[in-house]
Amino acid sequence: MTTRDISKLLFTTVYPLYVQKAERKHRTREEVDTIICWLTGYSRDQLRHHTVVNIDFQSFFDLAPAIHPNSSQIKGVVCGIRVEDIQDPITQKIRYLDKLMDELAKGKSMDKILRQ
């Protein structure tokens, strides 16, 4: 999948998959929402809105109030690529989110996931 393709994926479609992945690992929708709000600066109400309207990842991140300054601390591999080495800003943000969801599913504590 190219950079352009991934940014056009609908957040609305991927969000339930994040929740399903978390719940399969005995984590919660609340934790998923906390992570997304931490990364993007969206409020819970804003996030809820974006989960029911068709919005692609490009627009979702373009409209984000503030990407968390500690997001640069997110490191690791997603889909065989180190997230810290991704050059395209939108793709990097999408992969940051994927990495955070992986950490949640692997049982990391919320403090560690949120880089506190």
Protein backbone atom coordinates (compact mmCIF):
# COMPACT_ATOMS: atom_id res chain seq x y z
CA MET A 1 0.00 0.00 0.00
CA THR A 2 1.44 3.35 -0.96
CA THR A 3 1.57 6.47 1.18
CA ARG A 4 -1.28 7.97 -0.80
CA ASP A 5 -3.39 4.82 -0.38
CA ILE A 6 -2.96 4.57 3.38
CA SER A 7 -3.86 8.22 3.96
CA LYS A 8 -7.11 7.69 2.08
CA LEU A 9 -8.24 4.81 4.27
CA LEU A 10 -11.30 5.80 6.24
CA PHE A 11 -10.62 6.36 9.93
CA THR A 12 -14.29 5.47 10.40
CA THR A 13 -13.57 1.99 9.02
CA VAL A 14 -10.30 1.40 10.89
CA TYR A 15 -11.45 2.66 14.31
CA PRO A 16 -13.72 -0.36 15.01
CA LEU A 17 -10.79 -2.62 14.10
CA TYR A 18 -8.64 -0.89 16.72
CA VAL A 19 -11.40 -1.47 19.28
CA GLN A 20 -11.84 -5.12 18.27
CA LYS A 21 -8.10 -5.75 18.53
CA ALA A 22 -7.99 -4.16 21.97
CA GLU A 23 -11.04 -6.04 23.25
CA ARG A 24 -9.67 -9.38 22.00
CA LYS A 25 -6.70 -8.71 24.27
CA HIS A 26 -8.93 -7.77 27.23
CA ARG A 27 -8.39 -4.02 26.83
CA THR A 28 -11.19 -1.46 26.43
CA ARG A 29 -12.66 1.01 23.98
CA GLU A 30 -12.00 3.64 26.65
CA GLU A 31 -8.27 2.88 26.46
CA VAL A 32 -8.35 3.06 22.66
CA ASP A 33 -10.09 6.44 22.87
CA THR A 34 -7.62 7.70 25.48
CA ILE A 35 -4.71 6.82 23.20
CA ILE A 36 -6.26 8.45 20.14
CA CYS A 37 -7.14 11.62 22.08
CA TRP A 38 -3.63 11.75 23.56
CA LEU A 39 -1.99 11.48 20.14
CA THR A 40 -4.28 13.88 18.28
CA GLY A 41 -5.54 16.37 20.84
CA TYR A 42 -9.16 15.59 19.96
CA SER A 43 -11.69 15.74 22.78
CA ARG A 44 -13.85 12.67 23.43
CA ASP A 45 -16.79 14.37 21.71
CA GLN A 46 -14.69 15.26 18.67
CA LEU A 47 -13.39 11.71 18.47
CA ARG A 48 -16.92 10.28 18.76
CA HIS A 49 -17.96 12.51 15.86
CA HIS A 50 -15.10 11.21 13.69
CA THR A 51 -16.06 7.61 14.42
CA VAL A 52 -19.47 8.05 12.79
CA VAL A 53 -18.74 10.30 9.80
CA ASN A 54 -16.73 9.23 6.78
CA ILE A 55 -13.33 10.82 7.26
CA ASP A 56 -10.08 9.54 5.83
CA PHE A 57 -6.84 9.45 7.79
CA GLN A 58 -5.43 12.42 5.86
CA SER A 59 -8.33 14.63 6.95
CA PHE A 60 -8.46 13.09 10.42
CA PHE A 61 -4.87 14.11 11.11
CA ASP A 62 -5.09 17.40 9.19
CA LEU A 63 -7.97 18.44 11.45
CA ALA A 64 -6.35 17.17 14.66
CA PRO A 65 -6.09 19.99 17.22
CA ALA A 66 -2.52 19.15 18.27
CA ILE A 67 -0.32 16.12 17.76
CA HIS A 68 1.17 15.32 21.17
CA PRO A 69 4.74 16.63 21.51
CA ASN A 70 5.83 13.29 23.01
CA SER A 71 4.76 11.43 19.86
CA SER A 72 8.36 11.67 18.67
CA GLN A 73 9.16 9.21 21.48
CA ILE A 74 7.13 6.51 19.70
CA LYS A 75 9.64 4.05 18.30
CA GLY A 76 9.48 0.59 16.84
CA VAL A 77 8.44 -1.42 13.84
CA VAL A 78 5.02 -1.52 12.18
CA CYS A 79 4.55 -3.50 8.98
CA GLY A 80 8.30 -4.04 8.80
CA ILE A 81 9.16 -0.34 8.86
CA ARG A 82 10.58 1.68 11.76
CA VAL A 83 7.99 4.38 12.55
CA GLU A 84 10.68 6.89 13.52
CA ASP A 85 12.21 6.60 10.00
CA ILE A 86 9.02 7.28 8.02
CA GLN A 87 9.45 10.49 6.02
CA ASP A 88 5.83 11.24 5.07
CA PRO A 89 4.20 13.07 8.03
CA ILE A 90 0.69 11.62 7.55
CA THR A 91 1.95 8.08 7.10
CA GLN A 92 4.12 8.48 10.18
CA LYS A 93 1.16 9.64 12.27
CA ILE A 94 -0.95 6.71 11.06
CA ARG A 95 1.85 4.31 11.93
CA TYR A 96 2.32 6.00 15.31
CA LEU A 97 -1.32 5.22 16.01
CA ASP A 98 -0.87 1.64 14.79
CA LYS A 99 2.18 1.24 17.04
CA LEU A 100 0.30 2.57 20.07
CA MET A 101 -2.55 0.12 19.39
CA ASP A 102 -0.01 -2.72 19.13
CA GLU A 103 1.43 -1.71 22.49
CA LEU A 104 -2.05 -1.69 24.03
CA ALA A 105 -2.80 -5.14 22.63
CA LYS A 106 0.53 -6.45 23.95
CA GLY A 107 -0.45 -5.44 27.48
CA LYS A 108 1.72 -2.37 28.05
CA SER A 109 0.54 -0.05 30.80
CA MET A 110 -1.20 3.15 29.75
CA ASP A 111 1.55 5.24 31.39
CA LYS A 112 4.13 3.65 29.11
CA ILE A 113 1.92 3.85 26.02
CA LEU A 114 1.27 7.55 26.66
CA ARG A 115 4.99 8.21 27.19
CA GLN A 116 4.51 9.54 30.74
